[in-house]
Amino acid sequence: MTRILGLDVGERRIGIAISTPEGGLAVPLRVLERSDESADLHAIVELARAEDATTIVIGHPISLDGSRGAQARSVEAFARRLAETGSLAVELADERFTSAEAKRSRNQSSRSQRARRAPVDDLAAAIILQAYLDRRRLAAAPDPIAPDQ
């Protein structure tokens, strides 16, 4: 089975996570410091190819009320350009609360101040990807049998 990359696209960094080969677990992979968009796109495509990933899931920063602000539109445009650059399947996934969840998780698991200040972009990408994998697994599960009425 091929793997899936998860991205948390920010203005300064892109967090990257990857699924296990069987697609059950998302693992933080690395943080890409942004340079210029063309270089960022090519670096992600090369990483996807090296990791045998055919799909990329990108966190979609929609507002709590479901509206799309400037950052959401920017990520949508990035996703379109990534799909064009790499001929890969690119999907958007709701990322509400993932950065806060990633910071909380890192703070709980890190003992040193330095570790707690480290970027959490890769962990946020893993949270986005794990939610996507879980939704996909649930959608593929057979419907439970309804009890007799």
N, C-alpha and C. Protein backbone atom coordinates (compact mmCIF):
# COMPACT_ATOMS: atom_id res chain seq x y z
N MET A 1 0.84 -1.18 0.00
CA MET A 1 0.00 0.00 0.00
C MET A 1 0.89 1.25 0.00
N THR A 2 0.45 2.25 -0.69
CA THR A 2 1.24 3.48 -0.72
C THR A 2 0.96 4.33 0.52
N ARG A 3 1.83 5.25 0.73
CA ARG A 3 1.72 6.09 1.91
C ARG A 3 1.08 7.43 1.55
N ILE A 4 0.70 8.16 2.59
CA ILE A 4 0.06 9.47 2.44
C ILE A 4 0.87 10.48 3.23
N LEU A 5 1.14 11.64 2.63
CA LEU A 5 1.78 12.73 3.35
C LEU A 5 0.71 13.65 3.90
N GLY A 6 0.96 14.21 5.06
CA GLY A 6 0.11 15.23 5.64
C GLY A 6 0.91 16.51 5.79
N LEU A 7 0.30 17.65 5.45
CA LEU A 7 1.00 18.93 5.54
C LEU A 7 0.22 19.91 6.40
N ASP A 8 0.96 20.66 7.20
CA ASP A 8 0.44 21.82 7.90
C ASP A 8 1.20 23.01 7.32
N VAL A 9 0.55 23.73 6.40
CA VAL A 9 1.21 24.80 5.65
C VAL A 9 1.05 26.12 6.39
N GLY A 10 2.19 26.68 6.78
CA GLY A 10 2.20 27.98 7.42
C GLY A 10 2.99 28.97 6.59
N GLU A 11 3.05 30.20 7.05
CA GLU A 11 3.77 31.22 6.31
C GLU A 11 5.29 31.03 6.39
N ARG A 12 5.79 30.53 7.53
CA ARG A 12 7.24 30.37 7.70
C ARG A 12 7.71 28.92 7.60
N ARG A 13 6.84 27.99 7.94
CA ARG A 13 7.22 26.58 7.96
C ARG A 13 6.08 25.72 7.42
N ILE A 14 6.46 24.53 6.95
CA ILE A 14 5.48 23.52 6.55
C ILE A 14 5.79 22.27 7.37
N GLY A 15 4.84 21.86 8.18
CA GLY A 15 4.99 20.63 8.94
C GLY A 15 4.60 19.47 8.04
N ILE A 16 5.36 18.40 8.12
CA ILE A 16 5.13 17.24 7.26
C ILE A 16 5.03 15.99 8.13
N ALA A 17 4.00 15.20 7.85
CA ALA A 17 3.82 13.90 8.51
C ALA A 17 3.62 12.86 7.43
N ILE A 18 3.75 11.61 7.81
CA ILE A 18 3.56 10.52 6.85
C ILE A 18 2.79 9.39 7.51
N SER A 19 2.02 8.69 6.70
CA SER A 19 1.29 7.54 7.23
C SER A 19 2.21 6.32 7.22
N THR A 20 1.88 5.38 8.08
CA THR A 20 2.55 4.09 8.01
C THR A 20 2.10 3.41 6.71
N PRO A 21 2.85 2.44 6.21
CA PRO A 21 2.49 1.82 4.93
C PRO A 21 1.07 1.26 4.87
N GLU A 22 0.58 0.73 5.99
CA GLU A 22 -0.79 0.18 5.97
C GLU A 22 -1.85 1.27 6.12
N GLY A 23 -1.43 2.49 6.37
CA GLY A 23 -2.37 3.62 6.41
C GLY A 23 -3.12 3.79 7.71
N GLY A 24 -2.65 3.19 8.79
CA GLY A 24 -3.37 3.28 10.04
C GLY A 24 -2.89 4.36 11.00
N LEU A 25 -1.66 4.79 10.84
CA LEU A 25 -1.07 5.71 11.81
C LEU A 25 -0.30 6.82 11.10
N ALA A 26 -0.44 8.04 11.61
CA ALA A 26 0.31 9.18 11.09
C ALA A 26 1.47 9.47 12.03
N VAL A 27 2.63 9.74 11.45
CA VAL A 27 3.84 9.97 12.21
C VAL A 27 4.47 11.29 11.77
N PRO A 28 4.86 12.16 12.72
CA PRO A 28 5.56 13.38 12.32
C PRO A 28 6.84 13.02 11.57
N LEU A 29 7.12 13.76 10.48
CA LEU A 29 8.28 13.43 9.66
C LEU A 29 9.35 14.51 9.74
N ARG A 30 8.98 15.76 9.44
CA ARG A 30 9.95 16.84 9.48
C ARG A 30 9.26 18.18 9.34
N VAL A 31 10.03 19.24 9.54
CA VAL A 31 9.55 20.60 9.34
C VAL A 31 10.39 21.21 8.22
N LEU A 32 9.71 21.73 7.22
CA LEU A 32 10.37 22.38 6.09
C LEU A 32 10.30 23.89 6.30
N GLU A 33 11.46 24.52 6.40
CA GLU A 33 11.50 25.98 6.49
C GLU A 33 11.17 26.52 5.11
N ARG A 34 10.20 27.43 5.04
CA ARG A 34 9.79 27.96 3.75
C ARG A 34 10.90 28.81 3.14
N SER A 35 11.07 28.68 1.82
CA SER A 35 11.98 29.57 1.10
C SER A 35 11.14 30.28 0.04
N ASP A 36 11.22 29.86 -1.20
CA ASP A 36 10.27 30.39 -2.17
C ASP A 36 9.32 29.26 -2.54
N GLU A 37 8.14 29.62 -2.99
CA GLU A 37 7.10 28.60 -3.18
C GLU A 37 7.49 27.52 -4.16
N SER A 38 8.15 27.87 -5.23
CA SER A 38 8.55 26.87 -6.22
C SER A 38 9.46 25.83 -5.59
N ALA A 39 10.43 26.28 -4.82
CA ALA A 39 11.34 25.35 -4.13
C ALA A 39 10.58 24.50 -3.12
N ASP A 40 9.63 25.11 -2.41
CA ASP A 40 8.83 24.37 -1.43
C ASP A 40 8.02 23.27 -2.12
N LEU A 41 7.37 23.62 -3.23
CA LEU A 41 6.56 22.65 -3.96
C LEU A 41 7.41 21.49 -4.45
N HIS A 42 8.56 21.80 -5.03
CA HIS A 42 9.43 20.74 -5.55
C HIS A 42 9.99 19.87 -4.43
N ALA A 43 10.31 20.47 -3.29
CA ALA A 43 10.82 19.69 -2.15
C ALA A 43 9.75 18.71 -1.66
N ILE A 44 8.51 19.15 -1.61
CA ILE A 44 7.42 18.28 -1.15
C ILE A 44 7.17 17.16 -2.16
N VAL A 45 7.18 17.49 -3.44
CA VAL A 45 6.97 16.46 -4.48
C VAL A 45 8.09 15.42 -4.41
N GLU A 46 9.33 15.87 -4.28
CA GLU A 46 10.45 14.93 -4.18
C GLU A 46 10.34 14.05 -2.94
N LEU A 47 9.94 14.64 -1.83
CA LEU A 47 9.75 13.87 -0.61
C LEU A 47 8.64 12.83 -0.80
N ALA A 48 7.54 13.24 -1.41
CA ALA A 48 6.44 12.31 -1.66
C ALA A 48 6.91 11.14 -2.51
N ARG A 49 7.67 11.44 -3.54
CA ARG A 49 8.19 10.36 -4.40
C ARG A 49 9.15 9.45 -3.65
N ALA A 50 10.04 10.05 -2.86
CA ALA A 50 11.00 9.26 -2.10
C ALA A 50 10.32 8.35 -1.08
N GLU A 51 9.20 8.82 -0.52
CA GLU A 51 8.47 8.04 0.49
C GLU A 51 7.37 7.18 -0.12
N ASP A 52 7.25 7.18 -1.45
CA ASP A 52 6.25 6.39 -2.16
C ASP A 52 4.82 6.81 -1.80
N ALA A 53 4.63 8.12 -1.60
CA ALA A 53 3.31 8.66 -1.29
C ALA A 53 2.63 9.10 -2.58
N THR A 54 1.37 8.77 -2.72
CA THR A 54 0.61 9.16 -3.91
C THR A 54 -0.46 10.20 -3.59
N THR A 55 -0.69 10.43 -2.32
CA THR A 55 -1.70 11.40 -1.90
C THR A 55 -1.09 12.32 -0.86
N ILE A 56 -1.48 13.59 -0.93
CA ILE A 56 -1.05 14.57 0.06
C ILE A 56 -2.30 15.21 0.65
N VAL A 57 -2.38 15.21 1.96
CA VAL A 57 -3.50 15.83 2.68
C VAL A 57 -2.97 17.11 3.31
N ILE A 58 -3.63 18.22 3.01
CA ILE A 58 -3.20 19.52 3.52
C ILE A 58 -4.25 20.07 4.48
N GLY A 59 -3.78 20.52 5.62
CA GLY A 59 -4.68 21.14 6.59
C GLY A 59 -5.30 22.39 6.01
N HIS A 60 -6.62 22.49 6.10
CA HIS A 60 -7.39 23.61 5.56
C HIS A 60 -7.81 24.51 6.72
N PRO A 61 -7.21 25.68 6.81
CA PRO A 61 -7.47 26.55 7.97
C PRO A 61 -8.76 27.36 7.84
N ILE A 62 -9.88 26.67 7.91
CA ILE A 62 -11.15 27.39 7.86
C ILE A 62 -11.48 27.92 9.25
N SER A 63 -12.28 28.98 9.28
CA SER A 63 -12.64 29.60 10.55
C SER A 63 -13.59 28.73 11.34
N LEU A 64 -13.74 29.03 12.62
CA LEU A 64 -14.64 28.25 13.46
C LEU A 64 -16.06 28.24 12.93
N ASP A 65 -16.47 29.35 12.29
CA ASP A 65 -17.83 29.42 11.74
C ASP A 65 -17.94 28.78 10.35
N GLY A 66 -16.84 28.21 9.86
CA GLY A 66 -16.84 27.53 8.58
C GLY A 66 -16.50 28.43 7.39
N SER A 67 -16.25 29.70 7.64
CA SER A 67 -15.92 30.61 6.54
C SER A 67 -14.45 30.46 6.16
N ARG A 68 -14.14 30.91 4.95
CA ARG A 68 -12.78 30.82 4.43
C ARG A 68 -12.18 32.21 4.39
N GLY A 69 -11.13 32.41 5.18
CA GLY A 69 -10.44 33.68 5.21
C GLY A 69 -9.25 33.68 4.27
N ALA A 70 -8.40 34.68 4.41
CA ALA A 70 -7.24 34.83 3.53
C ALA A 70 -6.29 33.64 3.62
N GLN A 71 -6.05 33.14 4.83
CA GLN A 71 -5.14 32.01 4.99
C GLN A 71 -5.71 30.75 4.32
N ALA A 72 -7.00 30.52 4.45
CA ALA A 72 -7.62 29.36 3.81
C ALA A 72 -7.49 29.46 2.29
N ARG A 73 -7.74 30.63 1.74
CA ARG A 73 -7.62 30.80 0.29
C ARG A 73 -6.17 30.62 -0.16
N SER A 74 -5.23 31.07 0.65
CA SER A 74 -3.81 30.89 0.33
C SER A 74 -3.44 29.40 0.30
N VAL A 75 -3.93 28.64 1.28
CA VAL A 75 -3.66 27.20 1.33
C VAL A 75 -4.34 26.49 0.15
N GLU A 76 -5.54 26.91 -0.21
CA GLU A 76 -6.22 26.32 -1.36
C GLU A 76 -5.40 26.53 -2.64
N ALA A 77 -4.86 27.74 -2.83
CA ALA A 77 -4.04 28.02 -4.00
C ALA A 77 -2.76 27.19 -3.97
N PHE A 78 -2.14 27.06 -2.79
CA PHE A 78 -0.94 26.24 -2.63
C PHE A 78 -1.27 24.79 -3.01
N ALA A 79 -2.40 24.29 -2.56
CA ALA A 79 -2.80 22.91 -2.86
C ALA A 79 -2.97 22.71 -4.37
N ARG A 80 -3.59 23.67 -5.04
CA ARG A 80 -3.76 23.56 -6.51
C ARG A 80 -2.39 23.52 -7.20
N ARG A 81 -1.49 24.39 -6.79
CA ARG A 81 -0.16 24.43 -7.42
C ARG A 81 0.63 23.16 -7.11
N LEU A 82 0.47 22.62 -5.92
CA LEU A 82 1.16 21.37 -5.57
C LEU A 82 0.65 20.23 -6.43
N ALA A 83 -0.66 20.15 -6.63
CA ALA A 83 -1.24 19.09 -7.46
C ALA A 83 -0.73 19.21 -8.90
N GLU A 84 -0.63 20.43 -9.39
CA GLU A 84 -0.13 20.64 -10.75
C GLU A 84 1.35 20.30 -10.86
N THR A 85 2.13 20.64 -9.86
CA THR A 85 3.57 20.42 -9.88
C THR A 85 3.92 18.95 -9.85
N GLY A 86 3.24 18.20 -9.02
CA GLY A 86 3.65 16.82 -8.80
C GLY A 86 2.76 15.75 -9.37
N SER A 87 1.66 16.14 -10.01
CA SER A 87 0.70 15.15 -10.52
C SER A 87 0.32 14.15 -9.44
N LEU A 88 0.09 14.68 -8.24
CA LEU A 88 -0.31 13.85 -7.11
C LEU A 88 -1.73 14.22 -6.71
N ALA A 89 -2.40 13.30 -6.06
CA ALA A 89 -3.72 13.61 -5.50
C ALA A 89 -3.50 14.49 -4.28
N VAL A 90 -4.19 15.61 -4.23
CA VAL A 90 -4.07 16.54 -3.10
C VAL A 90 -5.46 16.79 -2.55
N GLU A 91 -5.62 16.61 -1.25
CA GLU A 91 -6.92 16.83 -0.61
C GLU A 91 -6.75 17.80 0.55
N LEU A 92 -7.80 18.57 0.79
CA LEU A 92 -7.82 19.48 1.94
C LEU A 92 -8.58 18.82 3.07
N ALA A 93 -8.11 19.04 4.30
CA ALA A 93 -8.76 18.47 5.48
C ALA A 93 -8.85 19.55 6.56
N ASP A 94 -9.97 19.64 7.21
CA ASP A 94 -10.20 20.62 8.26
C ASP A 94 -9.10 20.51 9.31
N GLU A 95 -8.51 21.66 9.65
CA GLU A 95 -7.43 21.63 10.63
C GLU A 95 -7.74 22.43 11.88
N ARG A 96 -9.00 22.75 12.12
CA ARG A 96 -9.33 23.54 13.31
C ARG A 96 -8.81 22.88 14.57
N PHE A 97 -8.16 23.66 15.40
CA PHE A 97 -7.62 23.28 16.71
C PHE A 97 -6.37 22.41 16.68
N THR A 98 -5.86 22.06 15.49
CA THR A 98 -4.71 21.15 15.46
C THR A 98 -3.45 21.77 16.03
N SER A 99 -3.20 23.06 15.77
CA SER A 99 -1.99 23.68 16.31
C SER A 99 -2.04 23.74 17.83
N ALA A 100 -3.20 24.08 18.37
CA ALA A 100 -3.34 24.12 19.83
C ALA A 100 -3.17 22.72 20.42
N GLU A 101 -3.74 21.71 19.75
CA GLU A 101 -3.60 20.33 20.22
C GLU A 101 -2.14 19.87 20.15
N ALA A 102 -1.45 20.27 19.08
CA ALA A 102 -0.04 19.90 18.93
C ALA A 102 0.81 20.55 20.03
N LYS A 103 0.57 21.83 20.32
CA LYS A 103 1.33 22.51 21.38
C LYS A 103 1.07 21.87 22.74
N ARG A 104 -0.19 21.56 23.01
CA ARG A 104 -0.54 20.93 24.29
C ARG A 104 0.15 19.57 24.41
N SER A 105 0.14 18.80 23.33
CA SER A 105 0.76 17.48 23.34
C SER A 105 2.26 17.59 23.54
N ARG A 106 2.90 18.51 22.83
CA ARG A 106 4.35 18.67 22.96
C ARG A 106 4.71 19.13 24.38
N ASN A 107 3.93 20.05 24.94
CA ASN A 107 4.20 20.55 26.29
C ASN A 107 4.06 19.44 27.33
N GLN A 108 3.08 18.55 27.14
CA GLN A 108 2.88 17.47 28.10
C GLN A 108 3.97 16.42 28.01
N SER A 109 4.53 16.23 26.81
CA SER A 109 5.52 15.16 26.65
C SER A 109 6.96 15.65 26.78
N SER A 110 7.18 16.97 26.78
CA SER A 110 8.54 17.51 26.84
C SER A 110 8.86 18.01 28.23
N ARG A 111 10.02 17.68 28.69
CA ARG A 111 10.43 18.11 30.02
C ARG A 111 11.22 19.40 29.99
N SER A 112 11.95 19.66 28.90
CA SER A 112 12.79 20.85 28.86
C SER A 112 12.06 22.02 28.22
N GLN A 113 12.43 23.22 28.64
CA GLN A 113 11.86 24.45 28.06
C GLN A 113 12.18 24.52 26.58
N ARG A 114 13.39 24.14 26.20
CA ARG A 114 13.80 24.20 24.80
C ARG A 114 12.92 23.31 23.93
N ALA A 115 12.64 22.11 24.39
CA ALA A 115 11.79 21.19 23.63
C ALA A 115 10.38 21.74 23.52
N ARG A 116 9.90 22.40 24.58
CA ARG A 116 8.54 22.96 24.54
C ARG A 116 8.44 24.15 23.60
N ARG A 117 9.57 24.82 23.31
CA ARG A 117 9.56 25.95 22.39
C ARG A 117 9.80 25.54 20.95
N ALA A 118 10.14 24.29 20.70
CA ALA A 118 10.42 23.81 19.34
C ALA A 118 9.14 23.90 18.50
N PRO A 119 9.29 24.10 17.20
CA PRO A 119 8.10 24.15 16.33
C PRO A 119 7.29 22.86 16.44
N VAL A 120 5.99 23.01 16.35
CA VAL A 120 5.09 21.86 16.44
C VAL A 120 4.44 21.56 15.10
N ASP A 121 4.96 22.14 14.04
CA ASP A 121 4.33 22.00 12.73
C ASP A 121 4.23 20.55 12.26
N ASP A 122 5.27 19.76 12.50
CA ASP A 122 5.23 18.36 12.09
C ASP A 122 4.20 17.57 12.91
N LEU A 123 4.09 17.91 14.18
CA LEU A 123 3.09 17.26 15.03
C LEU A 123 1.68 17.66 14.61
N ALA A 124 1.49 18.94 14.27
CA ALA A 124 0.18 19.39 13.77
C ALA A 124 -0.16 18.67 12.47
N ALA A 125 0.83 18.48 11.60
CA ALA A 125 0.60 17.74 10.35
C ALA A 125 0.18 16.30 10.65
N ALA A 126 0.80 15.69 11.65
CA ALA A 126 0.43 14.32 12.02
C ALA A 126 -1.00 14.26 12.57
N ILE A 127 -1.41 15.27 13.32
CA ILE A 127 -2.78 15.30 13.85
C ILE A 127 -3.78 15.45 12.70
N ILE A 128 -3.48 16.32 11.75
CA ILE A 128 -4.34 16.49 10.56
C ILE A 128 -4.44 15.18 9.80
N LEU A 129 -3.29 14.55 9.55
CA LEU A 129 -3.27 13.30 8.79
C LEU A 129 -3.97 12.18 9.54
N GLN A 130 -3.76 12.09 10.85
CA GLN A 130 -4.41 11.03 11.62
C GLN A 130 -5.93 11.16 11.57
N ALA A 131 -6.44 12.38 11.68
CA ALA A 131 -7.89 12.60 11.58
C ALA A 131 -8.40 12.18 10.21
N TYR A 132 -7.65 12.48 9.18
CA TYR A 132 -8.02 12.07 7.82
C TYR A 132 -8.05 10.54 7.71
N LEU A 133 -7.01 9.88 8.21
CA LEU A 133 -6.95 8.42 8.15
C LEU A 133 -8.10 7.79 8.93
N ASP A 134 -8.41 8.35 10.10
CA ASP A 134 -9.51 7.83 10.91
C ASP A 134 -10.85 7.99 10.19
N ARG A 135 -11.08 9.17 9.58
CA ARG A 135 -12.34 9.38 8.84
C ARG A 135 -12.44 8.41 7.67
N ARG A 136 -11.35 8.20 6.98
CA ARG A 136 -11.35 7.28 5.83
C ARG A 136 -11.64 5.85 6.29
N ARG A 137 -11.05 5.45 7.41
CA ARG A 137 -11.27 4.10 7.93
C ARG A 137 -12.73 3.92 8.35
N LEU A 138 -13.30 4.95 9.00
CA LEU A 138 -14.70 4.87 9.41
C LEU A 138 -15.64 4.82 8.21
N ALA A 139 -15.32 5.58 7.17
CA ALA A 139 -16.17 5.59 5.97
C ALA A 139 -16.14 4.23 5.26
N ALA A 140 -15.03 3.51 5.37
CA ALA A 140 -14.90 2.21 4.72
C ALA A 140 -15.47 1.07 5.56
N ALA A 141 -15.74 1.34 6.84
CA ALA A 141 -16.25 0.29 7.73
C ALA A 141 -17.68 -0.06 7.35
N PRO A 142 -18.04 -1.32 7.47
CA PRO A 142 -19.42 -1.71 7.19
C PRO A 142 -20.37 -1.08 8.20
N ASP A 143 -21.58 -0.81 7.76
CA ASP A 143 -22.59 -0.27 8.67
C ASP A 143 -22.93 -1.31 9.72
N PRO A 144 -23.09 -0.87 10.96
CA PRO A 144 -23.47 -1.83 12.01
C PRO A 144 -24.89 -2.36 11.72
N ILE A 145 -25.12 -3.54 12.17
CA ILE A 145 -26.44 -4.15 11.98
C ILE A 145 -27.38 -3.53 12.99
N ALA A 146 -28.50 -3.06 12.48
CA ALA A 146 -29.49 -2.43 13.35
C ALA A 146 -30.19 -3.51 14.18
N PRO A 147 -30.46 -3.23 15.45
CA PRO A 147 -31.16 -4.22 16.28
C PRO A 147 -32.60 -4.38 15.79
N ASP A 148 -33.18 -5.53 16.11
CA ASP A 148 -34.58 -5.78 15.75
C ASP A 148 -35.46 -4.72 16.40
N GLN A 149 -36.47 -4.35 15.66
CA GLN A 149 -37.34 -3.29 16.17
C GLN A 149 -38.58 -3.84 16.78
